[in-house]
Amino acid sequence: MTDIARLVRDIADAMAVAPERGEVATYIPPLAKVDPGRFGICVVLADGTAHAAGDADEPFSIQSVSKVFALTQALGKIGDTLWRRVGREPSGTAFNSIVQLEREQGIPRNPFINAGALVVADVNLAGHEPRVAIGELLRFVRYLADDDAITIDEHVARAEQQTGFRNVALANYMKAFGNIHHAPELTLGVYFHQCAIAMSCRQLAMAGRYLMHGGLLEPGGPRVVSGQRARRINALMLTCGHYDASGDFAFRVGLPGKSGVGGGILAIAPGKASIAVWSPGLNANGNSMLGTQALERLAEATGWSVFSA
């Protein structure tokens, strides 16, 4: 039986001295200032025990990892009618690409590319002021993680608003097709603040437990989503969670995962573990270089893979 505590420590030790660490995101100024030497990992097992190492308790900007929680919330609001406005297929293009929207009449390929996440934010905004919609998502994440200390980094949110010109273009383009229902600046405000949620690896791994437990917050605990919906969210994470590198991540790691340009990755071993890693240096596809390597080592050592017998 694998000694998870030792394995987690060994992975953190190896990542701490790795010579190649990727490049931090520079197009959001606060992210450009994060030390690329940082690495954290936390594994929360099905029995509730948590094993953490490295910088596992340092908050970081979760960025696109937030799309998992926003999608869960949107599905709770409107159910499968969401899929009339956003697809469920891998994009094969960069996370902020506008190319496919022209060809596909303003319907984004999936909810994890930026265009799809903007549609999800538009759904979550319905009937609310932006600050109320943002507060609702923050309360949901705090509930999932059982931690009221989780906050939104307003400095990051402002920087996103000042530099997110591609996202502004995506929102306006989809508005022209009728797939953004609110004023684009309101939907964008929700999206930028959602991406600026700051969490540690420990908090993020705790927040992912419902996807490990088939929709339950914990064994015998309250239900967050149905078992079918948890499986489907995991399926989307596996096929679309790493943008145009999702196939490679499935090949190397074999687990549902969602990355963010802040360097975080949430990965789920259904029935076994909820895992969060963080290292701010990114590879060419915009995913954490060391985070991906750490998850590959973890999956290989434990045998955790949705493709294992």
Protein backbone atom coordinates (compact mmCIF):
# COMPACT_ATOMS: atom_id res chain seq x y z
CA MET A 1 0.00 0.00 0.00
CA THR A 2 1.35 3.42 -0.97
CA ASP A 3 2.44 5.68 1.88
CA ILE A 4 0.66 8.81 0.66
CA ALA A 5 2.20 11.13 3.27
CA ARG A 6 5.73 10.10 2.30
CA LEU A 7 4.91 10.22 -1.42
CA VAL A 8 3.54 13.75 -1.13
CA ARG A 9 6.67 14.88 0.74
CA ASP A 10 8.95 13.20 -1.79
CA ILE A 11 7.16 14.87 -4.70
CA ALA A 12 7.39 18.29 -3.03
CA ASP A 13 11.10 17.77 -2.35
CA ALA A 14 11.73 16.81 -5.98
CA MET A 15 9.76 19.76 -7.33
CA ALA A 16 11.58 22.18 -5.01
CA VAL A 17 14.89 21.51 -6.79
CA ALA A 18 13.58 21.03 -10.35
CA PRO A 19 15.72 23.17 -12.69
CA GLU A 20 13.06 23.76 -15.36
CA ARG A 21 10.08 25.57 -13.84
CA GLY A 22 8.27 27.17 -16.78
CA GLU A 23 7.34 30.82 -17.14
CA VAL A 24 4.90 32.75 -14.96
CA ALA A 25 1.94 34.41 -16.66
CA THR A 26 2.87 38.00 -17.48
CA TYR A 27 -0.29 39.37 -19.11
CA ILE A 28 -1.91 39.81 -15.67
CA PRO A 29 0.63 42.00 -13.82
CA PRO A 30 0.15 40.61 -10.26
CA LEU A 31 0.76 37.06 -11.54
CA ALA A 32 4.02 38.17 -13.14
CA LYS A 33 5.36 38.99 -9.67
CA VAL A 34 4.81 35.52 -8.14
CA ASP A 35 7.98 33.62 -7.22
CA PRO A 36 8.41 30.72 -9.70
CA GLY A 37 10.23 28.80 -6.98
CA ARG A 38 6.99 28.08 -5.16
CA PHE A 39 5.41 24.63 -5.16
CA GLY A 40 2.57 23.24 -3.08
CA ILE A 41 0.59 20.01 -3.03
CA CYS A 42 -2.31 18.67 -0.99
CA VAL A 43 -4.06 15.32 -1.30
CA VAL A 44 -7.37 14.85 0.51
CA LEU A 45 -8.26 11.16 0.67
CA ALA A 46 -11.73 9.63 0.66
CA ASP A 47 -11.56 9.10 4.43
CA GLY A 48 -11.05 12.85 4.92
CA THR A 49 -7.36 12.81 5.81
CA ALA A 50 -5.24 15.48 4.15
CA HIS A 51 -1.57 15.15 3.23
CA ALA A 52 0.18 18.38 2.30
CA ALA A 53 3.71 19.53 1.57
CA GLY A 54 5.61 22.51 0.24
CA ASP A 55 3.69 25.77 -0.04
CA ALA A 56 0.35 24.01 0.40
CA ASP A 57 -1.08 26.69 2.68
CA GLU A 58 -0.15 29.76 0.65
CA PRO A 59 -3.09 31.32 -1.21
CA PHE A 60 -2.74 31.86 -4.95
CA SER A 61 -5.01 33.12 -7.71
CA ILE A 62 -6.97 30.07 -8.86
CA GLN A 63 -7.94 31.72 -12.17
CA SER A 64 -9.57 29.15 -14.48
CA VAL A 65 -9.84 26.48 -11.79
CA SER A 66 -12.79 28.60 -10.63
CA LYS A 67 -14.63 27.53 -13.79
CA VAL A 68 -15.34 24.13 -12.18
CA PHE A 69 -17.25 25.73 -9.31
CA ALA A 70 -18.98 28.30 -11.53
CA LEU A 71 -20.11 25.50 -13.87
CA THR A 72 -21.46 23.50 -10.92
CA GLN A 73 -23.40 26.56 -9.79
CA ALA A 74 -24.80 27.29 -13.26
CA LEU A 75 -25.95 23.70 -13.72
CA GLY A 76 -27.71 23.98 -10.38
CA LYS A 77 -29.54 27.07 -11.63
CA ILE A 78 -30.68 26.01 -15.12
CA GLY A 79 -29.71 22.35 -15.47
CA ASP A 80 -29.06 20.86 -18.88
CA THR A 81 -30.54 23.85 -20.69
CA LEU A 82 -27.03 25.28 -20.25
CA TRP A 83 -25.90 23.05 -23.10
CA ARG A 84 -28.01 25.05 -25.56
CA ARG A 85 -25.55 27.92 -25.03
CA VAL A 86 -22.24 26.12 -24.60
CA GLY A 87 -20.86 22.87 -26.02
CA ARG A 88 -19.14 19.89 -24.43
CA GLU A 89 -16.33 19.23 -26.89
CA PRO A 90 -12.57 19.89 -26.66
CA SER A 91 -11.62 23.08 -28.46
CA GLY A 92 -8.21 22.24 -29.90
CA THR A 93 -7.40 25.95 -29.72
CA ALA A 94 -5.99 28.31 -27.11
CA PHE A 95 -8.12 29.10 -24.05
CA ASN A 96 -8.76 32.69 -25.20
CA SER A 97 -9.25 32.01 -28.91
CA ILE A 98 -12.01 33.78 -30.83
CA VAL A 99 -11.62 31.77 -34.04
CA GLN A 100 -14.26 29.09 -33.46
CA LEU A 101 -16.96 31.53 -32.37
CA GLU A 102 -17.28 32.90 -35.89
CA ARG A 103 -17.69 29.48 -37.43
CA GLU A 104 -20.00 28.17 -34.70
CA GLN A 105 -22.39 31.12 -34.36
CA GLY A 106 -21.24 32.34 -30.97
CA ILE A 107 -21.60 28.98 -29.17
CA PRO A 108 -18.35 28.19 -27.29
CA ARG A 109 -16.98 24.67 -27.56
CA ASN A 110 -16.99 23.97 -23.79
CA PRO A 111 -17.44 25.73 -20.43
CA PHE A 112 -13.71 25.69 -19.60
CA ILE A 113 -12.37 27.88 -22.38
CA ASN A 114 -12.77 31.58 -21.66
CA ALA A 115 -15.71 32.09 -24.01
CA GLY A 116 -17.60 29.21 -22.42
CA ALA A 117 -16.81 30.45 -18.93
CA LEU A 118 -18.19 33.86 -19.86
CA VAL A 119 -21.48 32.23 -20.85
CA VAL A 120 -21.48 30.40 -17.50
CA ALA A 121 -20.85 33.71 -15.70
CA ASP A 122 -23.75 35.22 -17.65
CA VAL A 123 -26.01 32.40 -16.41
CA ASN A 124 -24.88 32.92 -12.81
CA LEU A 125 -25.51 36.66 -13.12
CA ALA A 126 -29.19 36.21 -14.04
CA GLY A 127 -31.46 38.05 -11.62
CA HIS A 128 -28.55 39.53 -9.65
CA GLU A 129 -26.34 42.54 -9.42
CA PRO A 130 -22.74 41.49 -10.23
CA ARG A 131 -21.61 41.90 -6.62
CA VAL A 132 -24.41 39.57 -5.48
CA ALA A 133 -23.50 36.94 -8.09
CA ILE A 134 -19.84 37.17 -7.08
CA GLY A 135 -20.74 36.85 -3.40
CA GLU A 136 -22.92 33.83 -4.14
CA LEU A 137 -20.04 32.01 -5.86
CA LEU A 138 -17.61 32.93 -3.09
CA ARG A 139 -20.01 31.57 -0.44
CA PHE A 140 -20.38 28.36 -2.46
CA VAL A 141 -16.61 27.84 -2.65
CA ARG A 142 -16.27 28.56 1.09
CA TYR A 143 -18.98 26.00 1.77
CA LEU A 144 -17.27 23.35 -0.37
CA ALA A 145 -13.91 23.96 1.30
CA ASP A 146 -15.41 24.39 4.79
CA ASP A 147 -13.32 27.55 5.12
CA ASP A 148 -14.70 31.08 5.44
CA ALA A 149 -11.20 32.56 5.13
CA ILE A 150 -11.25 32.24 1.32
CA THR A 151 -11.34 35.67 -0.34
CA ILE A 152 -11.22 37.42 -3.68
CA ASP A 153 -7.96 39.23 -4.42
CA GLU A 154 -9.28 42.63 -5.47
CA HIS A 155 -5.84 43.65 -6.75
CA VAL A 156 -5.88 40.75 -9.21
CA ALA A 157 -9.51 41.44 -10.17
CA ARG A 158 -8.70 45.07 -11.01
CA ALA A 159 -5.68 44.00 -13.04
CA GLU A 160 -7.85 41.55 -14.97
CA GLN A 161 -10.34 44.30 -15.76
CA GLN A 162 -7.55 46.62 -16.92
CA THR A 163 -5.81 44.06 -19.15
CA GLY A 164 -8.48 41.54 -20.20
CA PHE A 165 -9.04 42.90 -23.69
CA ARG A 166 -9.38 39.46 -25.29
CA ASN A 167 -12.08 38.53 -22.81
CA VAL A 168 -13.84 41.83 -23.53
CA ALA A 169 -13.72 40.96 -27.24
CA LEU A 170 -15.10 37.46 -26.60
CA ALA A 171 -17.98 38.78 -24.50
CA ASN A 172 -18.93 41.45 -27.05
CA TYR A 173 -18.66 38.99 -29.92
CA MET A 174 -21.00 36.51 -28.21
CA LYS A 175 -23.33 39.39 -27.33
CA ALA A 176 -23.59 40.07 -31.06
CA PHE A 177 -24.75 36.46 -31.53
CA GLY A 178 -27.24 36.77 -28.67
CA ASN A 179 -25.39 34.32 -26.41
CA ILE A 180 -24.56 36.89 -23.71
CA HIS A 181 -27.83 38.10 -22.21
CA HIS A 182 -26.56 40.87 -19.93
CA ALA A 183 -24.51 43.96 -20.65
CA PRO A 184 -21.05 42.51 -21.43
CA GLU A 185 -19.32 44.67 -18.82
CA LEU A 186 -21.52 43.17 -16.10
CA THR A 187 -20.83 39.58 -17.16
CA LEU A 188 -17.13 40.40 -17.46
CA GLY A 189 -17.13 41.82 -13.93
CA VAL A 190 -18.45 38.54 -12.56
CA TYR A 191 -15.91 36.56 -14.57
CA PHE A 192 -12.89 38.67 -13.61
CA HIS A 193 -13.74 38.47 -9.90
CA GLN A 194 -14.38 34.75 -10.12
CA CYS A 195 -10.89 34.22 -11.56
CA ALA A 196 -9.40 36.34 -8.77
CA ILE A 197 -10.53 33.97 -6.00
CA ALA A 198 -7.45 33.17 -3.91
CA MET A 199 -7.09 29.70 -2.39
CA SER A 200 -4.34 27.48 -1.05
CA CYS A 201 -3.76 23.93 -2.23
CA ARG A 202 -5.34 22.66 0.99
CA GLN A 203 -8.47 24.77 0.48
CA LEU A 204 -8.72 23.83 -3.19
CA ALA A 205 -8.34 20.10 -2.53
CA MET A 206 -11.04 20.34 0.14
CA ALA A 207 -13.34 22.19 -2.26
CA GLY A 208 -13.02 19.40 -4.82
CA ARG A 209 -14.23 16.65 -2.49
CA TYR A 210 -17.76 16.56 -3.93
CA LEU A 211 -16.33 15.45 -7.27
CA MET A 212 -14.43 12.65 -5.52
CA HIS A 213 -17.51 11.50 -3.58
CA GLY A 214 -19.98 11.27 -6.47
CA GLY A 215 -21.61 14.59 -5.66
CA LEU A 216 -21.61 14.33 -1.86
CA LEU A 217 -19.67 16.85 0.21
CA GLU A 218 -18.34 13.92 2.23
CA PRO A 219 -19.41 10.29 2.74
CA GLY A 220 -22.86 10.36 4.34
CA GLY A 221 -22.88 14.15 4.11
CA PRO A 222 -25.04 16.64 2.21
CA ARG A 223 -25.40 16.30 -1.55
CA VAL A 224 -23.91 19.09 -3.64
CA VAL A 225 -24.88 17.65 -7.04
CA SER A 226 -26.29 14.36 -8.29
CA GLY A 227 -23.95 11.47 -8.93
CA GLN A 228 -24.60 11.78 -12.66
CA ARG A 229 -23.74 15.48 -12.65
CA ALA A 230 -20.52 14.86 -10.71
CA ARG A 231 -19.49 12.25 -13.30
CA ARG A 232 -20.25 14.62 -16.14
CA ILE A 233 -18.29 17.50 -14.60
CA ASN A 234 -15.37 15.11 -14.14
CA ALA A 235 -15.73 14.02 -17.78
CA LEU A 236 -15.52 17.63 -18.95
CA MET A 237 -12.47 18.19 -16.75
CA LEU A 238 -10.77 15.17 -18.33
CA THR A 239 -11.54 16.13 -21.92
CA CYS A 240 -11.42 19.94 -21.72
CA GLY A 241 -9.77 20.97 -18.45
CA HIS A 242 -6.32 21.68 -19.88
CA TYR A 243 -7.36 23.47 -23.06
CA ASP A 244 -5.52 22.23 -26.14
CA ALA A 245 -3.26 20.08 -23.94
CA SER A 246 -6.17 18.14 -22.40
CA GLY A 247 -5.38 15.01 -24.39
CA ASP A 248 -1.75 15.07 -23.28
CA PHE A 249 -2.79 15.53 -19.64
CA ALA A 250 -5.17 12.55 -19.92
CA PHE A 251 -2.36 10.55 -21.51
CA ARG A 252 0.19 11.43 -18.82
CA VAL A 253 -1.97 11.64 -15.69
CA GLY A 254 -5.25 9.90 -16.51
CA LEU A 255 -7.36 11.96 -14.09
CA PRO A 256 -9.97 14.69 -14.49
CA GLY A 257 -8.18 17.99 -13.92
CA LYS A 258 -8.66 21.72 -14.29
CA SER A 259 -5.76 24.11 -14.58
CA GLY A 260 -5.42 27.86 -14.21
CA VAL A 261 -2.78 30.34 -15.35
CA GLY A 262 -2.08 31.14 -11.71
CA GLY A 263 -0.29 27.77 -11.67
CA GLY A 264 -2.93 25.77 -9.83
CA ILE A 265 -4.43 22.44 -10.88
CA LEU A 266 -7.35 20.63 -9.25
CA ALA A 267 -7.36 16.90 -10.05
CA ILE A 268 -9.87 14.26 -9.02
CA ALA A 269 -9.34 10.54 -8.49
CA PRO A 270 -13.00 9.46 -8.20
CA GLY A 271 -13.65 7.57 -4.98
CA LYS A 272 -10.03 8.01 -3.90
CA ALA A 273 -8.74 11.56 -3.65
CA SER A 274 -9.13 15.25 -4.39
CA ILE A 275 -5.74 16.73 -5.25
CA ALA A 276 -4.50 20.28 -5.65
CA VAL A 277 -1.06 21.33 -6.82
CA TRP A 278 0.41 24.78 -7.38
CA SER A 279 3.51 26.00 -9.11
CA PRO A 280 3.27 29.34 -10.94
CA GLY A 281 5.61 28.54 -13.83
CA LEU A 282 3.60 27.53 -16.91
CA ASN A 283 4.39 25.37 -19.92
CA ALA A 284 3.74 26.42 -23.52
CA ASN A 285 0.03 25.55 -23.20
CA GLY A 286 -0.51 27.73 -20.14
CA ASN A 287 -0.63 24.87 -17.62
CA SER A 288 1.59 24.53 -14.54
CA MET A 289 4.78 22.77 -15.62
CA LEU A 290 5.73 21.33 -12.24
CA GLY A 291 2.12 20.82 -11.22
CA THR A 292 1.61 18.56 -14.20
CA GLN A 293 4.83 16.66 -13.48
CA ALA A 294 3.84 16.24 -9.84
CA LEU A 295 0.43 14.82 -10.76
CA GLU A 296 2.04 12.45 -13.25
CA ARG A 297 4.35 11.14 -10.52
CA LEU A 298 1.48 10.84 -8.06
CA ALA A 299 -0.74 8.94 -10.50
CA GLU A 300 2.08 6.60 -11.48
CA ALA A 301 2.99 5.79 -7.87
CA THR A 302 -0.59 5.27 -6.68
CA GLY A 303 -2.16 3.76 -9.79
CA TRP A 304 -4.89 6.38 -9.61
CA SER A 305 -6.27 6.70 -13.11
CA VAL A 306 -9.75 6.54 -14.57
CA PHE A 307 -8.25 4.10 -17.08
CA SER A 308 -6.90 1.63 -14.49
CA ALA A 309 -8.56 -1.76 -14.17
